[in-house]
């Protein structure tokens, strides 16, 4: 057991120097190809909305925030074929963006968003996941973690002990995978605020949005066992970022007037 824990500690230290730098084994073109293939499956499996006020709102807000992302981060954003669909599912309070800029918004999140500004919080966050290339970073982290576990369990002569290998995998996920995912979420919050502000949407609405998400979220696991930071952590972080972001929003308002 002590050998496993020492091995996992070394693995954590190894990743501590790489994960925050955005280690990625994949190219931007890989992001585009992987996202497009997965998006085709999503569109084939889901009931999509192609007209009406909700559809128009999603398309309008997405167009503006994507334009801001392209202006701020052109090196990656210009290489993506951006697309968003609206999925007809009022029970699903969610949205996602696949690698390469393919997005989906579920109708269930629209009442929580409440307005174009609230929806821009969601869309800015999801666009930021794509431009920061979090999807393929996470795949990279999983691949390297698996290699690390294999090396350490082989060196510790534990490769034939299934229980020890399973423990190593669990510890790696709690010690590496979940914090890595939470860091991605907070980074997407931050970058997304700049995107929405540059697009002319009020970033202060992010506080209200996450307060509404928290009120309707029900029970949640402890933050350290979750892929996402707690709503209270997000709100606290957003409050700290707002002084940096508000001048961007104010400049966008002046340019639009």
C-alpha atoms as a PDB file:
ATOM      1  CA  UNK A   1       0.000   0.000   0.000  1.00  0.00           C
ATOM      2  CA  UNK A   2       2.784   2.470   0.909  1.00  0.00           C
ATOM      3  CA  UNK A   3       4.501   1.752  -2.402  1.00  0.00           C
ATOM      4  CA  UNK A   4       1.298   2.554  -4.283  1.00  0.00           C
ATOM      5  CA  UNK A   5       0.817   5.821  -2.393  1.00  0.00           C
ATOM      6  CA  UNK A   6       4.437   6.878  -2.990  1.00  0.00           C
ATOM      7  CA  UNK A   7       4.060   6.060  -6.677  1.00  0.00           C
ATOM      8  CA  UNK A   8       0.854   8.064  -6.952  1.00  0.00           C
ATOM      9  CA  UNK A   9       2.449  10.991  -5.138  1.00  0.00           C
ATOM     10  CA  UNK A  10       5.273  11.007  -7.701  1.00  0.00           C
ATOM     11  CA  UNK A  11       2.720  10.838 -10.498  1.00  0.00           C
ATOM     12  CA  UNK A  12       0.892  13.857  -9.063  1.00  0.00           C
ATOM     13  CA  UNK A  13       4.153  15.813  -8.897  1.00  0.00           C
ATOM     14  CA  UNK A  14       4.942  14.843 -12.478  1.00  0.00           C
ATOM     15  CA  UNK A  15       1.630  16.224 -13.725  1.00  0.00           C
ATOM     16  CA  UNK A  16       1.794  19.312 -11.515  1.00  0.00           C
ATOM     17  CA  UNK A  17       4.470  20.643 -13.844  1.00  0.00           C
ATOM     18  CA  UNK A  18       2.593  19.895 -17.064  1.00  0.00           C
ATOM     19  CA  UNK A  19      -1.194  20.083 -16.688  1.00  0.00           C
ATOM     20  CA  UNK A  20      -1.307  23.812 -15.966  1.00  0.00           C
ATOM     21  CA  UNK A  21       0.720  24.424 -19.125  1.00  0.00           C
ATOM     22  CA  UNK A  22      -1.939  22.873 -21.323  1.00  0.00           C
ATOM     23  CA  UNK A  23      -0.111  19.684 -22.296  1.00  0.00           C
ATOM     24  CA  UNK A  24      -1.759  18.317 -25.422  1.00  0.00           C
ATOM     25  CA  UNK A  25      -0.759  15.375 -27.599  1.00  0.00           C
ATOM     26  CA  UNK A  26      -3.272  16.388 -30.276  1.00  0.00           C
ATOM     27  CA  UNK A  27      -3.231  19.030 -33.000  1.00  0.00           C
ATOM     28  CA  UNK A  28      -5.887  21.682 -33.578  1.00  0.00           C
ATOM     29  CA  UNK A  29      -6.899  19.741 -36.671  1.00  0.00           C
ATOM     30  CA  UNK A  30      -7.420  16.683 -34.457  1.00  0.00           C
ATOM     31  CA  UNK A  31      -9.801  18.797 -32.347  1.00  0.00           C
ATOM     32  CA  UNK A  32     -11.754  19.722 -35.469  1.00  0.00           C
ATOM     33  CA  UNK A  33     -11.985  16.139 -36.749  1.00  0.00           C
ATOM     34  CA  UNK A  34     -12.867  14.579 -33.389  1.00  0.00           C
ATOM     35  CA  UNK A  35     -15.511  17.211 -32.622  1.00  0.00           C
ATOM     36  CA  UNK A  36     -17.134  16.966 -36.046  1.00  0.00           C
ATOM     37  CA  UNK A  37     -17.487  13.183 -35.806  1.00  0.00           C
ATOM     38  CA  UNK A  38     -19.013  13.342 -32.331  1.00  0.00           C
ATOM     39  CA  UNK A  39     -21.316  16.210 -33.340  1.00  0.00           C
ATOM     40  CA  UNK A  40     -22.786  14.172 -36.197  1.00  0.00           C
ATOM     41  CA  UNK A  41     -23.737  11.530 -33.650  1.00  0.00           C
ATOM     42  CA  UNK A  42     -25.318  14.126 -31.354  1.00  0.00           C
ATOM     43  CA  UNK A  43     -27.426  15.624 -34.150  1.00  0.00           C
ATOM     44  CA  UNK A  44     -28.587  12.189 -35.263  1.00  0.00           C
ATOM     45  CA  UNK A  45     -29.609  11.167 -31.754  1.00  0.00           C
ATOM     46  CA  UNK A  46     -31.295  14.328 -30.440  1.00  0.00           C
ATOM     47  CA  UNK A  47     -34.469  16.245 -31.258  1.00  0.00           C
ATOM     48  CA  UNK A  48     -33.331  19.589 -32.641  1.00  0.00           C
ATOM     49  CA  UNK A  49     -35.162  22.917 -32.908  1.00  0.00           C
ATOM     50  CA  UNK A  50     -34.635  24.897 -36.120  1.00  0.00           C
ATOM     51  CA  UNK A  51     -36.898  27.925 -35.706  1.00  0.00           C
ATOM     52  CA  UNK A  52     -38.665  30.127 -33.197  1.00  0.00           C
ATOM     53  CA  UNK A  53     -37.609  32.704 -30.584  1.00  0.00           C
ATOM     54  CA  UNK A  54     -35.412  30.322 -28.554  1.00  0.00           C
ATOM     55  CA  UNK A  55     -33.569  29.156 -31.666  1.00  0.00           C
ATOM     56  CA  UNK A  56     -33.048  32.732 -32.819  1.00  0.00           C
ATOM     57  CA  UNK A  57     -31.776  33.752 -29.374  1.00  0.00           C
ATOM     58  CA  UNK A  58     -29.232  30.928 -29.282  1.00  0.00           C
ATOM     59  CA  UNK A  59     -27.996  31.707 -32.780  1.00  0.00           C
ATOM     60  CA  UNK A  60     -27.821  35.464 -32.104  1.00  0.00           C
ATOM     61  CA  UNK A  61     -25.885  35.217 -28.856  1.00  0.00           C
ATOM     62  CA  UNK A  62     -23.569  32.509 -30.169  1.00  0.00           C
ATOM     63  CA  UNK A  63     -22.733  34.534 -33.269  1.00  0.00           C
ATOM     64  CA  UNK A  64     -21.717  37.566 -31.227  1.00  0.00           C
ATOM     65  CA  UNK A  65     -19.672  35.660 -28.659  1.00  0.00           C
ATOM     66  CA  UNK A  66     -17.910  33.590 -31.330  1.00  0.00           C
ATOM     67  CA  UNK A  67     -16.990  36.823 -33.135  1.00  0.00           C
ATOM     68  CA  UNK A  68     -15.459  38.117 -29.894  1.00  0.00           C
ATOM     69  CA  UNK A  69     -13.539  34.872 -29.383  1.00  0.00           C
ATOM     70  CA  UNK A  70     -12.176  35.056 -32.930  1.00  0.00           C
ATOM     71  CA  UNK A  71     -11.021  38.610 -32.298  1.00  0.00           C
ATOM     72  CA  UNK A  72      -9.412  37.805 -28.940  1.00  0.00           C
ATOM     73  CA  UNK A  73      -7.960  34.355 -29.750  1.00  0.00           C
ATOM     74  CA  UNK A  74      -7.715  34.167 -33.541  1.00  0.00           C
ATOM     75  CA  UNK A  75      -4.930  31.574 -33.696  1.00  0.00           C
ATOM     76  CA  UNK A  76      -7.256  28.772 -32.588  1.00  0.00           C
ATOM     77  CA  UNK A  77     -10.730  30.241 -33.132  1.00  0.00           C
ATOM     78  CA  UNK A  78     -10.204  30.949 -36.830  1.00  0.00           C
ATOM     79  CA  UNK A  79      -9.427  27.284 -37.455  1.00  0.00           C
ATOM     80  CA  UNK A  80     -12.710  26.036 -36.018  1.00  0.00           C
ATOM     81  CA  UNK A  81     -15.942  25.548 -37.964  1.00  0.00           C
ATOM     82  CA  UNK A  82     -18.253  27.006 -35.303  1.00  0.00           C
ATOM     83  CA  UNK A  83     -21.771  25.612 -35.105  1.00  0.00           C
ATOM     84  CA  UNK A  84     -24.486  25.511 -32.454  1.00  0.00           C
ATOM     85  CA  UNK A  85     -27.686  23.479 -32.213  1.00  0.00           C
ATOM     86  CA  UNK A  86     -30.629  23.810 -29.849  1.00  0.00           C
ATOM     87  CA  UNK A  87     -31.754  20.477 -28.379  1.00  0.00           C
ATOM     88  CA  UNK A  88     -35.401  20.140 -27.379  1.00  0.00           C
ATOM     89  CA  UNK A  89     -35.107  18.781 -23.833  1.00  0.00           C
ATOM     90  CA  UNK A  90     -36.590  20.874 -21.046  1.00  0.00           C
ATOM     91  CA  UNK A  91     -35.407  18.448 -18.360  1.00  0.00           C
ATOM     92  CA  UNK A  92     -31.727  18.812 -19.257  1.00  0.00           C
ATOM     93  CA  UNK A  93     -30.213  21.952 -17.729  1.00  0.00           C
ATOM     94  CA  UNK A  94     -26.992  21.775 -19.677  1.00  0.00           C
ATOM     95  CA  UNK A  95     -24.873  22.867 -22.631  1.00  0.00           C
ATOM     96  CA  UNK A  96     -21.611  21.635 -24.097  1.00  0.00           C
ATOM     97  CA  UNK A  97     -18.988  22.450 -26.687  1.00  0.00           C
ATOM     98  CA  UNK A  98     -17.036  19.675 -28.371  1.00  0.00           C
ATOM     99  CA  UNK A  99     -13.450  20.108 -29.547  1.00  0.00           C
ATOM    100  CA  UNK A 100     -13.383  22.146 -32.733  1.00  0.00           C
ATOM    101  CA  UNK A 101     -16.241  24.487 -31.841  1.00  0.00           C
ATOM    102  CA  UNK A 102     -19.358  22.313 -32.157  1.00  0.00           C
ATOM    103  CA  UNK A 103     -21.873  23.390 -29.489  1.00  0.00           C
ATOM    104  CA  UNK A 104     -25.221  22.225 -28.167  1.00  0.00           C
ATOM    105  CA  UNK A 105     -27.626  24.096 -25.911  1.00  0.00           C
ATOM    106  CA  UNK A 106     -30.473  22.256 -24.201  1.00  0.00           C
ATOM    107  CA  UNK A 107     -33.786  24.095 -23.856  1.00  0.00           C
ATOM    108  CA  UNK A 108     -33.747  23.267 -20.141  1.00  0.00           C
ATOM    109  CA  UNK A 109     -30.982  25.793 -19.483  1.00  0.00           C
ATOM    110  CA  UNK A 110     -32.766  28.714 -21.154  1.00  0.00           C
ATOM    111  CA  UNK A 111     -35.059  29.554 -18.191  1.00  0.00           C
ATOM    112  CA  UNK A 112     -32.015  29.584 -15.908  1.00  0.00           C
ATOM    113  CA  UNK A 113     -30.151  31.871 -18.317  1.00  0.00           C
ATOM    114  CA  UNK A 114     -33.207  34.132 -18.403  1.00  0.00           C
ATOM    115  CA  UNK A 115     -31.865  36.691 -20.894  1.00  0.00           C
ATOM    116  CA  UNK A 116     -29.317  37.201 -23.657  1.00  0.00           C
ATOM    117  CA  UNK A 117     -26.761  38.228 -21.017  1.00  0.00           C
ATOM    118  CA  UNK A 118     -27.420  35.073 -18.995  1.00  0.00           C
ATOM    119  CA  UNK A 119     -27.201  32.913 -22.095  1.00  0.00           C
ATOM    120  CA  UNK A 120     -23.920  34.618 -23.016  1.00  0.00           C
ATOM    121  CA  UNK A 121     -22.506  33.380 -19.685  1.00  0.00           C
ATOM    122  CA  UNK A 122     -23.242  29.809 -20.790  1.00  0.00           C
ATOM    123  CA  UNK A 123     -22.089  30.227 -24.364  1.00  0.00           C
ATOM    124  CA  UNK A 124     -18.937  32.138 -23.451  1.00  0.00           C
ATOM    125  CA  UNK A 125     -17.999  29.383 -21.015  1.00  0.00           C
ATOM    126  CA  UNK A 126     -18.546  26.642 -23.599  1.00  0.00           C
ATOM    127  CA  UNK A 127     -16.660  28.504 -26.333  1.00  0.00           C
ATOM    128  CA  UNK A 128     -13.761  28.946 -23.907  1.00  0.00           C
ATOM    129  CA  UNK A 129     -13.600  25.164 -23.384  1.00  0.00           C
ATOM    130  CA  UNK A 130     -13.048  24.840 -27.139  1.00  0.00           C
ATOM    131  CA  UNK A 131     -10.526  27.658 -27.596  1.00  0.00           C
ATOM    132  CA  UNK A 132      -8.541  26.496 -24.558  1.00  0.00           C
ATOM    133  CA  UNK A 133      -8.672  22.999 -26.091  1.00  0.00           C
ATOM    134  CA  UNK A 134      -9.788  21.408 -22.845  1.00  0.00           C
ATOM    135  CA  UNK A 135     -11.305  18.351 -24.529  1.00  0.00           C
ATOM    136  CA  UNK A 136      -8.096  17.016 -26.041  1.00  0.00           C
ATOM    137  CA  UNK A 137      -6.084  18.207 -23.034  1.00  0.00           C
ATOM    138  CA  UNK A 138      -8.289  15.964 -20.904  1.00  0.00           C
ATOM    139  CA  UNK A 139      -7.784  13.026 -23.280  1.00  0.00           C
ATOM    140  CA  UNK A 140      -4.037  13.683 -23.112  1.00  0.00           C
ATOM    141  CA  UNK A 141      -4.142  13.720 -19.315  1.00  0.00           C
ATOM    142  CA  UNK A 142      -6.043  10.418 -19.259  1.00  0.00           C
ATOM    143  CA  UNK A 143      -3.587   8.760 -21.644  1.00  0.00           C
ATOM    144  CA  UNK A 144      -0.532   9.948 -19.728  1.00  0.00           C
ATOM    145  CA  UNK A 145      -2.062   9.011 -16.384  1.00  0.00           C
ATOM    146  CA  UNK A 146      -2.750   5.500 -17.634  1.00  0.00           C
ATOM    147  CA  UNK A 147       0.832   5.205 -18.860  1.00  0.00           C
ATOM    148  CA  UNK A 148       2.091   6.496 -15.509  1.00  0.00           C
ATOM    149  CA  UNK A 149      -0.004   3.999 -13.548  1.00  0.00           C
ATOM    150  CA  UNK A 150       1.264   1.194 -15.776  1.00  0.00           C
ATOM    151  CA  UNK A 151       4.881   2.197 -15.237  1.00  0.00           C
ATOM    152  CA  UNK A 152       4.563   2.616 -11.485  1.00  0.00           C
ATOM    153  CA  UNK A 153       2.617  -0.579 -10.892  1.00  0.00           C
ATOM    154  CA  UNK A 154       5.085  -2.526 -13.041  1.00  0.00           C
ATOM    155  CA  UNK A 155       8.040  -1.058 -11.102  1.00  0.00           C
ATOM    156  CA  UNK A 156       6.317  -1.822  -7.812  1.00  0.00           C
ATOM    157  CA  UNK A 157       5.571  -5.370  -9.006  1.00  0.00           C
ATOM    158  CA  UNK A 158       1.867  -4.789  -8.491  1.00  0.00           C
ATOM    159  CA  UNK A 159       0.706  -5.303 -12.058  1.00  0.00           C
ATOM    160  CA  UNK A 160      -0.836  -8.698 -11.269  1.00  0.00           C
ATOM    161  CA  UNK A 161      -2.740  -7.436  -8.216  1.00  0.00           C
ATOM    162  CA  UNK A 162      -6.048  -6.171  -9.610  1.00  0.00           C
ATOM    163  CA  UNK A 163      -7.147  -4.548  -6.350  1.00  0.00           C
ATOM    164  CA  UNK A 164      -3.914  -2.555  -6.113  1.00  0.00           C
ATOM    165  CA  UNK A 165      -4.217  -1.456  -9.748  1.00  0.00           C
ATOM    166  CA  UNK A 166      -7.824  -0.361  -9.215  1.00  0.00           C
ATOM    167  CA  UNK A 167      -6.780   1.611  -6.128  1.00  0.00           C
ATOM    168  CA  UNK A 168      -4.026   3.307  -8.107  1.00  0.00           C
ATOM    169  CA  UNK A 169      -6.543   4.274 -10.791  1.00  0.00           C
ATOM    170  CA  UNK A 170      -8.999   5.687  -8.228  1.00  0.00           C
ATOM    171  CA  UNK A 171      -6.292   7.682  -6.455  1.00  0.00           C
ATOM    172  CA  UNK A 172      -5.036   9.063  -9.757  1.00  0.00           C
ATOM    173  CA  UNK A 173      -8.537  10.195 -10.691  1.00  0.00           C
ATOM    174  CA  UNK A 174      -9.140  11.916  -7.345  1.00  0.00           C
ATOM    175  CA  UNK A 175      -5.644  13.364  -7.197  1.00  0.00           C
ATOM    176  CA  UNK A 176      -5.227  14.284 -10.863  1.00  0.00           C
ATOM    177  CA  UNK A 177      -8.283  13.886 -13.061  1.00  0.00           C
ATOM    178  CA  UNK A 178     -10.875  15.693 -10.938  1.00  0.00           C
ATOM    179  CA  UNK A 179      -8.697  18.702 -10.018  1.00  0.00           C
ATOM    180  CA  UNK A 180      -7.626  18.942 -13.677  1.00  0.00           C
ATOM    181  CA  UNK A 181     -11.290  19.056 -14.715  1.00  0.00           C
ATOM    182  CA  UNK A 182     -12.149  21.645 -12.043  1.00  0.00           C
ATOM    183  CA  UNK A 183      -9.260  23.821 -13.198  1.00  0.00           C
ATOM    184  CA  UNK A 184     -10.617  23.637 -16.731  1.00  0.00           C
ATOM    185  CA  UNK A 185     -14.032  24.749 -15.537  1.00  0.00           C
ATOM    186  CA  UNK A 186     -12.611  27.764 -13.724  1.00  0.00           C
ATOM    187  CA  UNK A 187     -10.434  28.655 -16.703  1.00  0.00           C
ATOM    188  CA  UNK A 188     -13.474  28.462 -18.991  1.00  0.00           C
ATOM    189  CA  UNK A 189     -15.381  30.710 -16.576  1.00  0.00           C
ATOM    190  CA  UNK A 190     -12.602  33.292 -16.711  1.00  0.00           C
ATOM    191  CA  UNK A 191     -11.994  33.236 -20.471  1.00  0.00           C
ATOM    192  CA  UNK A 192     -15.719  33.073 -21.168  1.00  0.00           C
ATOM    193  CA  UNK A 193     -16.303  36.256 -19.161  1.00  0.00           C
ATOM    194  CA  UNK A 194     -13.876  38.127 -21.405  1.00  0.00           C
ATOM    195  CA  UNK A 195     -15.547  36.742 -24.533  1.00  0.00           C
ATOM    196  CA  UNK A 196     -19.055  37.735 -23.438  1.00  0.00           C
ATOM    197  CA  UNK A 197     -17.889  41.167 -22.244  1.00  0.00           C
ATOM    198  CA  UNK A 198     -16.152  41.864 -25.555  1.00  0.00           C
ATOM    199  CA  UNK A 199     -19.363  40.831 -27.314  1.00  0.00           C
ATOM    200  CA  UNK A 200     -21.265  43.486 -25.348  1.00  0.00           C
ATOM    201  CA  UNK A 201     -22.924  41.253 -22.745  1.00  0.00           C
ATOM    202  CA  UNK A 202     -22.806  42.200 -19.073  1.00  0.00           C
ATOM    203  CA  UNK A 203     -20.374  39.849 -17.242  1.00  0.00           C
ATOM    204  CA  UNK A 204     -21.980  40.703 -13.890  1.00  0.00           C
ATOM    205  CA  UNK A 205     -24.862  38.485 -14.968  1.00  0.00           C
ATOM    206  CA  UNK A 206     -22.582  35.493 -14.347  1.00  0.00           C
ATOM    207  CA  UNK A 207     -23.122  35.895 -10.608  1.00  0.00           C
ATOM    208  CA  UNK A 208     -26.891  35.762 -10.949  1.00  0.00           C
ATOM    209  CA  UNK A 209     -26.693  32.845 -13.347  1.00  0.00           C
ATOM    210  CA  UNK A 210     -24.632  30.702 -10.961  1.00  0.00           C
ATOM    211  CA  UNK A 211     -26.821  31.687  -8.048  1.00  0.00           C
ATOM    212  CA  UNK A 212     -29.846  30.420  -9.989  1.00  0.00           C
ATOM    213  CA  UNK A 213     -27.973  27.250 -10.931  1.00  0.00           C
ATOM    214  CA  UNK A 214     -27.118  26.696  -7.277  1.00  0.00           C
ATOM    215  CA  UNK A 215     -30.704  27.249  -6.167  1.00  0.00           C
ATOM    216  CA  UNK A 216     -31.997  24.658  -8.615  1.00  0.00           C
ATOM    217  CA  UNK A 217     -29.130  22.192  -8.392  1.00  0.00           C
ATOM    218  CA  UNK A 218     -30.220  20.018  -5.480  1.00  0.00           C
ATOM    219  CA  UNK A 219     -27.652  17.923  -3.663  1.00  0.00           C
ATOM    220  CA  UNK A 220     -24.088  17.837  -4.981  1.00  0.00           C
ATOM    221  CA  UNK A 221     -21.032  15.768  -4.030  1.00  0.00           C
ATOM    222  CA  UNK A 222     -18.158  17.414  -2.139  1.00  0.00           C
ATOM    223  CA  UNK A 223     -16.105  19.612  -4.478  1.00  0.00           C
ATOM    224  CA  UNK A 224     -13.044  17.345  -4.185  1.00  0.00           C
ATOM    225  CA  UNK A 225     -15.090  14.432  -5.554  1.00  0.00           C
ATOM    226  CA  UNK A 226     -16.610  16.435  -8.408  1.00  0.00           C
ATOM    227  CA  UNK A 227     -15.529  17.278 -11.944  1.00  0.00           C
ATOM    228  CA  UNK A 228     -16.862  20.818 -11.382  1.00  0.00           C
ATOM    229  CA  UNK A 229     -16.056  23.434  -8.756  1.00  0.00           C
ATOM    230  CA  UNK A 230     -18.852  24.246  -6.318  1.00  0.00           C
ATOM    231  CA  UNK A 231     -21.199  27.078  -7.266  1.00  0.00           C
ATOM    232  CA  UNK A 232     -19.940  29.084  -4.287  1.00  0.00           C
ATOM    233  CA  UNK A 233     -16.339  28.712  -5.508  1.00  0.00           C
ATOM    234  CA  UNK A 234     -17.342  29.820  -8.991  1.00  0.00           C
ATOM    235  CA  UNK A 235     -19.189  32.865  -7.703  1.00  0.00           C
ATOM    236  CA  UNK A 236     -16.262  33.851  -5.503  1.00  0.00           C
ATOM    237  CA  UNK A 237     -13.823  33.512  -8.391  1.00  0.00           C
ATOM    238  CA  UNK A 238     -16.103  35.458 -10.736  1.00  0.00           C
ATOM    239  CA  UNK A 239     -16.401  38.312  -8.242  1.00  0.00           C
ATOM    240  CA  UNK A 240     -12.611  38.496  -8.212  1.00  0.00           C
ATOM    241  CA  UNK A 241     -12.384  38.583 -12.008  1.00  0.00           C
ATOM    242  CA  UNK A 242     -15.077  41.209 -12.611  1.00  0.00           C
ATOM    243  CA  UNK A 243     -12.827  44.251 -12.016  1.00  0.00           C
ATOM    244  CA  UNK A 244     -10.660  43.027 -14.909  1.00  0.00           C
ATOM    245  CA  UNK A 245     -13.592  42.227 -17.187  1.00  0.00           C
ATOM    246  CA  UNK A 246     -15.899  45.204 -16.667  1.00  0.00           C
ATOM    247  CA  UNK A 247     -13.657  47.643 -18.586  1.00  0.00           C
ATOM    248  CA  UNK A 248     -13.882  45.297 -21.578  1.00  0.00           C
ATOM    249  CA  UNK A 249     -17.680  45.358 -21.347  1.00  0.00           C
ATOM    250  CA  UNK A 250     -17.749  49.130 -20.949  1.00  0.00           C
ATOM    251  CA  UNK A 251     -15.499  49.573 -23.998  1.00  0.00           C
ATOM    252  CA  UNK A 252     -17.804  47.307 -26.009  1.00  0.00           C
ATOM    253  CA  UNK A 253     -20.800  49.387 -24.948  1.00  0.00           C
ATOM    254  CA  UNK A 254     -19.082  52.597 -26.098  1.00  0.00           C
ATOM    255  CA  UNK A 255     -18.154  51.089 -29.476  1.00  0.00           C
ATOM    256  CA  UNK A 256     -21.755  49.946 -30.018  1.00  0.00           C
ATOM    257  CA  UNK A 257     -23.234  53.354 -29.205  1.00  0.00           C
END
